[in-house]
Structures are given as C-alpha cells and as structure tokens.
Protein backbone atom coordinates (compact mmCIF):
# COMPACT_ATOMS: atom_id res chain seq x y z
CA UNK A 1 -83.19 39.07 5.36
CA UNK A 2 -79.43 38.50 5.51
CA UNK A 3 -78.45 34.94 6.16
CA UNK A 4 -76.35 34.47 9.31
CA UNK A 5 -72.70 33.82 8.32
CA UNK A 6 -71.09 30.53 9.22
CA UNK A 7 -67.35 31.41 9.19
CA UNK A 8 -66.05 32.97 12.36
CA UNK A 9 -62.79 34.85 12.96
CA UNK A 10 -60.14 32.57 14.39
CA UNK A 11 -58.88 35.53 16.44
CA UNK A 12 -61.74 37.98 17.12
CA UNK A 13 -59.41 40.77 18.34
CA UNK A 14 -60.07 44.10 16.62
CA UNK A 15 -59.35 46.59 19.38
CA UNK A 16 -57.45 49.78 18.48
CA UNK A 17 -55.39 49.50 21.65
CA UNK A 18 -54.23 47.33 23.13
CA UNK A 19 -54.28 45.70 19.73
CA UNK A 20 -54.22 42.05 18.72
CA UNK A 21 -51.21 39.98 19.71
CA UNK A 22 -48.99 38.78 16.90
CA UNK A 23 -50.16 35.65 15.04
CA UNK A 24 -49.19 32.50 16.92
CA UNK A 25 -48.65 34.31 20.21
CA UNK A 26 -48.61 32.31 23.43
CA UNK A 27 -47.15 33.05 26.83
CA UNK A 28 -44.78 30.02 26.64
CA UNK A 29 -42.93 31.68 23.80
CA UNK A 30 -41.71 34.50 26.10
CA UNK A 31 -38.10 34.50 27.30
CA UNK A 32 -38.53 34.69 31.05
CA UNK A 33 -34.89 34.64 32.13
CA UNK A 34 -35.10 38.32 32.92
CA UNK A 35 -38.06 37.91 35.30
CA UNK A 36 -37.18 38.24 38.95
CA UNK A 37 -33.98 40.06 37.95
CA UNK A 38 -33.21 43.72 38.48
CA UNK A 39 -33.69 45.85 35.38
CA UNK A 40 -30.38 47.44 36.41
CA UNK A 41 -28.58 44.10 36.20
CA UNK A 42 -26.30 43.51 33.20
CA UNK A 43 -28.83 40.95 31.86
CA UNK A 44 -31.91 43.11 32.43
CA UNK A 45 -30.31 46.21 31.00
CA UNK A 46 -29.12 44.14 28.08
CA UNK A 47 -32.64 43.01 27.24
CA UNK A 48 -33.90 46.58 27.40
CA UNK A 49 -31.02 47.69 25.15
CA UNK A 50 -31.86 44.85 22.76
CA UNK A 51 -35.50 46.03 22.57
CA UNK A 52 -34.21 49.59 21.81
CA UNK A 53 -31.72 48.46 19.18
CA UNK A 54 -34.16 46.15 17.41
CA UNK A 55 -36.82 48.88 17.36
CA UNK A 56 -34.36 51.29 15.87
CA UNK A 57 -33.24 48.80 13.22
CA UNK A 58 -36.74 47.78 12.18
CA UNK A 59 -38.07 51.32 11.97
CA UNK A 60 -35.10 52.52 9.96
CA UNK A 61 -34.25 55.23 12.49
CA UNK A 62 -31.00 57.08 11.53
CA UNK A 63 -27.86 56.13 13.45
CA UNK A 64 -27.47 59.61 14.93
CA UNK A 65 -30.98 59.53 16.45
CA UNK A 66 -31.56 58.26 20.01
CA UNK A 67 -34.23 55.71 20.96
CA UNK A 68 -35.31 55.21 24.57
CA UNK A 69 -37.94 53.44 26.70
CA UNK A 70 -40.21 55.78 28.67
CA UNK A 71 -42.84 55.25 31.42
CA UNK A 72 -46.47 56.03 30.90
CA UNK A 73 -47.01 54.58 27.44
CA UNK A 74 -47.16 56.98 24.48
CA UNK A 75 -48.72 59.61 26.75
CA UNK A 76 -45.69 59.66 29.01
CA UNK A 77 -43.29 59.77 26.13
CA UNK A 78 -45.14 62.56 24.29
CA UNK A 79 -45.71 64.69 27.35
CA UNK A 80 -42.04 64.31 28.32
CA UNK A 81 -41.11 65.71 24.88
CA UNK A 82 -43.61 68.62 25.35
CA UNK A 83 -42.60 69.40 28.94
CA UNK A 84 -38.86 69.38 28.23
CA UNK A 85 -38.68 71.05 24.81
CA UNK A 86 -41.64 73.44 24.37
CA UNK A 87 -41.50 77.05 25.50
CA UNK A 88 -38.20 77.98 23.90
CA UNK A 89 -39.93 79.42 20.85
CA UNK A 90 -43.46 79.89 19.45
CA UNK A 91 -45.40 76.65 19.11
CA UNK A 92 -48.24 75.14 17.15
CA UNK A 93 -50.39 72.24 18.32
CA UNK A 94 -52.51 70.61 15.60
CA UNK A 95 -55.34 68.15 16.41
CA UNK A 96 -58.12 66.42 14.61
CA UNK A 97 -59.28 63.83 17.10
CA UNK A 98 -59.38 62.97 20.80
CA UNK A 99 -55.71 62.42 21.62
CA UNK A 100 -54.49 65.42 19.73
CA UNK A 101 -56.94 67.51 21.70
CA UNK A 102 -55.22 66.29 24.91
CA UNK A 103 -51.97 67.79 23.64
CA UNK A 104 -53.77 71.07 23.04
CA UNK A 105 -55.07 71.04 26.59
CA UNK A 106 -51.55 70.35 27.86
CA UNK A 107 -50.22 73.30 25.89
CA UNK A 108 -53.04 75.72 26.86
CA UNK A 109 -53.96 74.73 30.40
CA UNK A 110 -50.85 73.03 31.87
CA UNK A 111 -47.84 74.56 30.15
CA UNK A 112 -49.71 77.79 29.40
CA UNK A 113 -47.53 78.54 26.36
CA UNK A 114 -47.67 82.25 25.61
CA UNK A 115 -46.96 82.13 21.87
CA UNK A 116 -49.26 79.29 20.82
CA UNK A 117 -51.11 78.59 17.59
CA UNK A 118 -53.88 75.95 17.80
CA UNK A 119 -55.08 74.24 14.60
CA UNK A 120 -58.14 71.96 14.90
CA UNK A 121 -60.39 69.98 12.64
CA UNK A 122 -63.34 67.73 13.24
CA UNK A 123 -63.43 63.98 13.17
CA UNK A 124 -62.62 62.68 9.75
CA UNK A 125 -60.81 65.85 8.69
CA UNK A 126 -57.30 67.31 8.98
CA UNK A 127 -56.57 71.01 9.48
CA UNK A 128 -54.67 73.07 6.92
CA UNK A 129 -51.13 72.26 8.07
CA UNK A 130 -49.63 74.73 5.61
CA UNK A 131 -50.57 77.34 8.20
CA UNK A 132 -47.84 76.04 10.52
CA UNK A 133 -44.99 78.59 10.61
CA UNK A 134 -41.69 76.92 9.84
CA UNK A 135 -40.11 78.73 12.81
CA UNK A 136 -42.62 77.28 15.24
CA UNK A 137 -42.24 74.10 17.20
CA UNK A 138 -45.18 71.87 16.21
CA UNK A 139 -46.92 69.01 17.98
CA UNK A 140 -49.17 66.70 15.97
CA UNK A 141 -50.62 63.22 15.85
CA UNK A 142 -49.50 61.46 12.69
CA UNK A 143 -52.48 59.13 12.63
CA UNK A 144 -55.82 59.83 14.30
CA UNK A 145 -56.62 56.59 16.09
CA UNK A 146 -60.12 57.69 17.06
CA UNK A 147 -61.13 59.25 13.73
CA UNK A 148 -59.25 57.22 11.08
CA UNK A 149 -57.66 60.34 9.53
CA UNK A 150 -53.94 60.41 8.95
CA UNK A 151 -51.39 62.81 7.45
CA UNK A 152 -50.74 61.76 3.83
CA UNK A 153 -47.15 63.15 3.96
CA UNK A 154 -44.81 65.68 5.66
CA UNK A 155 -44.51 68.01 2.71
CA UNK A 156 -45.80 70.83 4.92
CA UNK A 157 -42.60 70.61 6.95
CA UNK A 158 -39.58 72.15 5.19
CA UNK A 159 -36.28 70.32 5.32
CA UNK A 160 -34.48 73.32 6.82
CA UNK A 161 -37.18 74.47 9.30
CA UNK A 162 -35.91 75.92 12.55
CA UNK A 163 -38.72 74.67 14.81
CA UNK A 164 -38.96 71.19 16.23
CA UNK A 165 -41.46 68.62 14.98
CA UNK A 166 -42.93 66.55 17.86
CA UNK A 167 -44.80 63.58 16.42
CA UNK A 168 -47.27 61.36 18.25
CA UNK A 169 -46.95 58.27 16.02
CA UNK A 170 -48.39 55.66 18.35
CA UNK A 171 -50.79 54.16 15.82
CA UNK A 172 -48.65 54.96 12.78
CA UNK A 173 -45.23 53.37 13.20
CA UNK A 174 -45.00 49.82 11.74
CA UNK A 175 -47.92 50.74 9.46
CA UNK A 176 -46.71 53.96 7.72
CA UNK A 177 -43.19 55.10 6.75
CA UNK A 178 -41.80 57.89 8.86
CA UNK A 179 -39.66 60.59 7.20
CA UNK A 180 -37.17 60.81 9.99
CA UNK A 181 -35.34 63.72 8.41
CA UNK A 182 -38.31 65.92 9.25
CA UNK A 183 -39.15 64.51 12.72
CA UNK A 184 -37.38 65.58 15.90
CA UNK A 185 -39.28 63.79 18.68
CA UNK A 186 -41.40 60.79 17.80
CA UNK A 187 -43.32 58.69 20.31
CA UNK A 188 -45.30 55.46 20.28
CA UNK A 189 -46.45 52.72 22.68
CA UNK A 190 -45.94 48.96 22.63
CA UNK A 191 -49.63 48.21 23.20
CA UNK A 192 -50.76 50.10 20.08
CA UNK A 193 -48.47 49.04 17.29
CA UNK A 194 -47.64 45.41 18.06
CA UNK A 195 -50.15 44.20 20.54
CA UNK A 196 -47.70 44.59 23.39
CA UNK A 197 -48.58 45.27 27.01
CA UNK A 198 -49.43 48.76 28.21
CA UNK A 199 -47.48 51.36 30.21
CA UNK A 200 -44.33 51.51 28.13
CA UNK A 201 -43.60 54.17 25.54
CA UNK A 202 -40.80 54.93 23.11
CA UNK A 203 -39.12 58.30 22.64
CA UNK A 204 -37.10 58.87 19.42
CA UNK A 205 -34.95 62.04 19.35
CA UNK A 206 -33.17 63.73 16.45
CA UNK A 207 -29.85 65.53 16.93
CA UNK A 208 -31.78 68.85 16.79
CA UNK A 209 -34.01 67.66 19.61
CA UNK A 210 -31.02 66.65 21.72
CA UNK A 211 -29.48 70.07 21.14
CA UNK A 212 -32.70 71.74 22.33
CA UNK A 213 -32.75 69.61 25.50
CA UNK A 214 -29.09 70.33 26.22
CA UNK A 215 -29.44 74.07 25.78
CA UNK A 216 -32.87 74.74 27.26
CA UNK A 217 -34.40 74.54 30.72
CA UNK A 218 -38.16 75.15 30.87
CA UNK A 219 -39.64 77.56 33.45
CA UNK A 220 -42.06 74.94 34.85
CA UNK A 221 -41.15 72.15 37.32
CA UNK A 222 -40.64 68.68 35.90
CA UNK A 223 -41.95 65.52 37.59
CA UNK A 224 -39.35 62.83 38.05
CA UNK A 225 -40.69 60.76 35.17
CA UNK A 226 -39.91 63.63 32.77
CA UNK A 227 -36.40 64.41 34.03
CA UNK A 228 -34.20 63.24 31.17
CA UNK A 229 -31.26 65.53 31.92
CA UNK A 230 -28.25 64.85 34.15
CA UNK A 231 -25.70 67.49 35.04
CA UNK A 232 -27.27 69.90 32.59
CA UNK A 233 -27.23 67.59 29.56
CA UNK A 234 -29.43 64.84 28.18
CA UNK A 235 -28.94 61.65 30.12
CA UNK A 236 -27.94 59.39 27.26
CA UNK A 237 -28.03 56.25 29.48
CA UNK A 238 -31.82 56.32 29.14
CA UNK A 239 -31.25 55.52 25.49
CA UNK A 240 -28.90 52.67 26.23
CA UNK A 241 -31.18 50.54 28.41
CA UNK A 242 -31.25 52.44 31.69
CA UNK A 243 -34.80 53.58 32.39
CA UNK A 244 -36.13 56.43 34.56
CA UNK A 245 -38.21 54.09 36.64
CA UNK A 246 -38.73 50.36 36.90
CA UNK A 247 -40.10 48.81 33.73
CA UNK A 248 -41.93 45.47 33.47
CA UNK A 249 -39.47 42.91 32.17
CA UNK A 250 -42.41 40.64 31.27
CA UNK A 251 -43.87 43.38 29.09
CA UNK A 252 -40.38 43.94 27.69
CA UNK A 253 -40.04 40.31 26.71
CA UNK A 254 -43.49 40.44 25.14
CA UNK A 255 -42.43 43.42 23.07
CA UNK A 256 -39.16 41.68 22.00
CA UNK A 257 -41.19 38.65 20.89
CA UNK A 258 -43.33 40.92 18.69
CA UNK A 259 -40.28 42.71 17.26
CA UNK A 260 -38.60 39.41 16.40
CA UNK A 261 -41.84 38.32 14.62
CA UNK A 262 -41.78 41.49 12.60
CA UNK A 263 -38.11 40.82 11.70
CA UNK A 264 -39.01 37.27 10.67
CA UNK A 265 -41.72 38.28 8.21
CA UNK A 266 -39.63 40.95 6.43
CA UNK A 267 -39.54 44.00 8.67
CA UNK A 268 -41.62 47.14 8.56
CA UNK A 269 -42.32 46.85 4.82
CA UNK A 270 -44.06 43.56 5.47
CA UNK A 271 -46.10 45.26 8.22
CA UNK A 272 -47.03 48.09 5.88
CA UNK A 273 -48.23 45.56 3.30
CA UNK A 274 -50.32 43.67 5.92
CA UNK A 275 -51.91 46.87 7.18
CA UNK A 276 -52.68 48.08 3.66
CA UNK A 277 -54.25 44.79 2.66
CA UNK A 278 -56.34 44.66 5.85
CA UNK A 279 -57.51 48.25 5.44
CA UNK A 280 -58.42 47.70 1.75
CA UNK A 281 -60.62 44.79 2.81
CA UNK A 282 -62.59 47.13 5.13
CA UNK A 283 -62.57 50.00 2.60
CA UNK A 284 -64.08 47.70 -0.07
CA UNK A 285 -66.71 46.49 2.33
CA UNK A 286 -67.68 50.08 3.24
CA UNK A 287 -67.91 51.05 -0.38
CA UNK A 288 -70.14 48.08 -1.14
CA UNK A 289 -72.79 49.08 1.47
CA UNK A 290 -75.14 51.97 0.99
CA UNK A 291 -75.71 52.20 4.75
CA UNK A 292 -72.07 52.89 5.54
CA UNK A 293 -69.40 55.47 4.71
CA UNK A 294 -65.79 56.00 5.80
CA UNK A 295 -65.55 58.67 8.50
CA UNK A 296 -62.77 60.23 6.38
CA UNK A 297 -64.07 61.65 3.08
CA UNK A 298 -60.66 62.15 1.47
CA UNK A 299 -59.15 58.79 0.45
CA UNK A 300 -55.64 60.21 0.70
CA UNK A 301 -56.21 60.90 4.40
CA UNK A 302 -57.64 57.49 5.35
CA UNK A 303 -55.66 55.48 7.78
CA UNK A 304 -54.64 51.92 7.18
CA UNK A 305 -54.83 51.05 10.91
CA UNK A 306 -57.95 52.19 12.82
CA UNK A 307 -60.53 52.30 10.05
CA UNK A 308 -63.68 54.14 11.20
CA UNK A 309 -67.11 53.71 9.55
CA UNK A 310 -70.27 55.66 10.23
CA UNK A 311 -73.85 54.89 9.31
CA UNK A 312 -76.14 56.63 6.82
CA UNK A 313 -79.31 56.05 4.73
CA UNK A 314 -83.06 56.53 5.18
CA UNK A 315 -83.57 54.10 8.04
CA UNK A 316 -80.64 55.41 10.06
CA UNK A 317 -81.59 59.10 9.41
CA UNK A 318 -85.11 58.36 10.63
CA UNK A 319 -83.77 57.50 14.10
CA UNK A 320 -83.38 59.93 16.97
CA UNK A 321 -79.84 60.95 17.98
CA UNK A 322 -79.92 58.56 20.91
CA UNK A 323 -81.16 55.70 18.69
CA UNK A 324 -78.42 56.48 16.13
CA UNK A 325 -75.78 56.29 18.86
CA UNK A 326 -77.08 52.90 19.87
CA UNK A 327 -76.71 51.36 16.36
CA UNK A 328 -72.94 50.74 16.46
CA UNK A 329 -73.07 49.96 20.17
CA UNK A 330 -75.72 47.28 19.63
CA UNK A 331 -73.92 45.75 16.68
CA UNK A 332 -70.59 45.65 18.50
CA UNK A 333 -72.04 44.30 21.76
CA UNK A 334 -74.08 41.60 19.96
CA UNK A 335 -71.04 40.34 18.09
CA UNK A 336 -68.85 40.48 21.17
CA UNK A 337 -71.30 38.27 23.08
CA UNK A 338 -71.14 35.82 20.20
CA UNK A 339 -67.29 35.89 20.32
CA UNK A 340 -67.29 37.14 16.70
CA UNK A 341 -65.44 40.43 17.32
CA UNK A 342 -64.16 42.23 20.34
CA UNK A 343 -63.86 45.93 21.09
CA UNK A 344 -64.63 47.40 17.66
CA UNK A 345 -67.23 49.97 18.70
CA UNK A 346 -66.15 53.55 17.88
CA UNK A 347 -64.27 55.70 20.36
CA UNK A 348 -66.50 57.11 23.14
CA UNK A 349 -66.02 60.79 22.10
CA UNK A 350 -66.19 60.16 18.36
CA UNK A 351 -69.37 60.25 16.28
CA UNK A 352 -71.35 56.98 16.52
CA UNK A 353 -69.26 54.55 14.51
CA UNK A 354 -67.50 51.19 14.29
CA UNK A 355 -63.72 51.11 14.33
CA UNK A 356 -61.70 48.11 13.13
CA UNK A 357 -58.03 47.83 13.78
CA UNK A 358 -56.21 46.81 10.66
CA UNK A 359 -52.60 46.91 11.81
CA UNK A 360 -50.13 44.20 10.87
CA UNK A 361 -50.73 41.96 13.90
CA UNK A 362 -54.27 41.26 12.63
CA UNK A 363 -54.81 38.53 10.03
CA UNK A 364 -56.65 39.60 6.89
CA UNK A 365 -58.74 36.42 6.91
CA UNK A 366 -60.14 37.35 10.34
CA UNK A 367 -61.26 40.74 9.03
CA UNK A 368 -62.85 39.08 6.00
CA UNK A 369 -64.82 36.83 8.34
CA UNK A 370 -65.91 39.63 10.65
CA UNK A 371 -67.41 41.92 8.00
CA UNK A 372 -70.36 39.68 6.94
CA UNK A 373 -71.34 39.47 10.58
CA UNK A 374 -71.60 43.28 10.76
CA UNK A 375 -73.87 43.20 7.70
CA UNK A 376 -76.00 40.46 9.38
CA UNK A 377 -76.23 42.30 12.69
CA UNK A 378 -77.21 45.57 10.95
CA UNK A 379 -80.05 43.89 9.14
CA UNK A 380 -81.17 42.11 12.30
CA UNK A 381 -81.18 45.46 14.13
CA UNK A 382 -83.29 47.02 11.34
CA UNK A 383 -85.68 44.18 11.59
CA UNK A 384 -86.04 44.68 15.32
CA UNK A 385 -84.43 41.36 16.23
CA UNK A 386 -81.55 42.75 18.33
C-alpha cells in the first residue's frame, strides 16, 4: 500500500485553461486606474496599446507584423482569421484533437470551402503535414491542448510558400518559440498562456496576411465582431489599441500584470525553461510508473504545456470501458476534494486520461508535490478505498 503523502501543493491549480495565475498574484497588485473609464479614452486606449506592444516585444514578433486584441478569446481571433482570409485559394485544415476539429467543422459546414483538404489524426498523433500543398492556405493548431501533441517544427512550410499559414497557438506561445517568418495569422488567448481572464484573444498578422485582407472580400457575410476592414482596407487602428467592441479593462490590467511578470523573470526564454522543467517532471513520473504512459508516443511531438497521461496495465485492462473512464475521473475528483489539485482530469472528448498544465505560470515544486498524490490515489482506487 502506498503511504499517503504529506507535502501538498502550495497552489493546486493545474487547469489547462484558464491556467494558473502567475506566482505571487493578488488582486491588489492590479492597476485599477483604467476601471470606470472608457476604453476609447486616451488612458484606456493607452493601456490597451501597452498590452499590445509588450506582447509583441516579449514574443519577438517582427516589427512589420501587426498585433491586435480581439473579442471572443482565441476562438474569436482564429475564426476572424478564417472568415476574412479563407476562400481566396485552396485550403487545408489539419487537426489532431478537439479544437482543431472545430476549425474543420467551420471550414466544411460554415464556410463550405469548395477546394478543401482535411488532414486528421487521432489523439496523441499528428497527421503527415508534408501532404499540405505549399500553394494552399493552411489552418492548424500548433499545440494540441486536449491531446498533448505538438508540432515539433515548421519545416513542412516552405519559406517562399504562396499560401497563408493560420496558426492557432493559444497553448503554445510563451512555451514554444514561434518561427514568425513562416506564420501569417497567429492567435492566442490571455486565459490560456498566462492565467489571464477569459474572453480576450490576440491576432498577429504578417504583411502577407494584411495584403490578403486588403485585396480580398469573402463571399459570405461577416458578423460585426469579424469586420476588421474599413473603407476597403484593414483597419489598422485595431492594432493600435482601438478594439472592435468593449473589452474588460480589469481583464486587460490582469494581462498586463502577467506580461510584466514575464518581463521581470527574463522574457519568453525564461517561460520556455519553466515549461520545459515542469513537463520533464511529469514525463519522468510517467516513465517511472508501469500503470501510466504518455498519450503521445513520439517524444518529439510531446507538448511541454498540457501533458496528458493515460492508464495501462493488467488491472486497468481488466476493467470495463465505463470503469476505465472512471479511473482518472475518480482520482481527479478525490484530489480536488482534498484541495491537492484542481481541474486536471482529461478533456471530456479525449480518451480517459489525466492532463496537467505545465506552462510557465505553474511552479515546478507544486507539480512535484502533486504527482505522489496521484500515485497514492491510484493505489487506493485499486484497493477499493475510493
């Protein structure tokens, strides 16, 4: 029988979105001078512009790229890119987990793109991206939040390709380097990467993407939240602090606080190092347990953010499918009730699994303290004590 651990995570927040707040976070650290002010005021717009500029600086986005704040989180930003740019040429949508499949449904059922290639792979795998024609626009999710599978590199995109690359990077930025030279529209959300509040997304556009928007008008109607053109050209004020609709200034200040923390610890490279160390802690734990395996078989494709583990072994295989599905649920719910770890059960549509967020806002020591509790809960479940 496994002895119950004694050390408990100081911050038991392991959700893959919204993710853990930055270390030391407290509401009294927020700058609240913008609250109660119009986001169109000089001060409000200035704070939004500061959030944009600091994001661009920390992510190493090229000077000639545009960065803007969008409504609707990463979903709003990504769908805006799809709705405004796709349809001008043949397109490919590649998916290997839940959110990528949403973009496929958008392309097939909503936009009804006539010249569409769909590439799919199961949880824990990535499709053969070499099949993507270089003339096609391509939509893909850089990191599969719900499967733990990420793209190792962008070698499959040629430097002189004519199609646009639309990149859902919501659980990748601030954990993995982006090769901006090969990316034309990149999106992410505040709540995923830095523990920010929900409903706000970021849209990063290359000069090639801007040229597409300026020269192309899609056949389908655009809702107001996707209308980023003014007088026939891209409305660049959106990328200077003017937003399409009213943002939350409280959420903006929370995001700024997180960005300034990233800056204070050494920028995105420090965030990469924190995520890598956190993920290695979980990888090593998985490798040391014969009842666990990483959902992603290829080590090169394993994410350093939302690490997913599935169960195996004689006892687990002897269970019915319903009983197997209850194993991670029971472990996660038991440890949540004990305030050991919150929200680390696998995604609802994924295979039965546990999913631990390892991004840079999580402290490695908290992950180290969580893992023995998973071991304990598993043994208690096997013994019939849970």
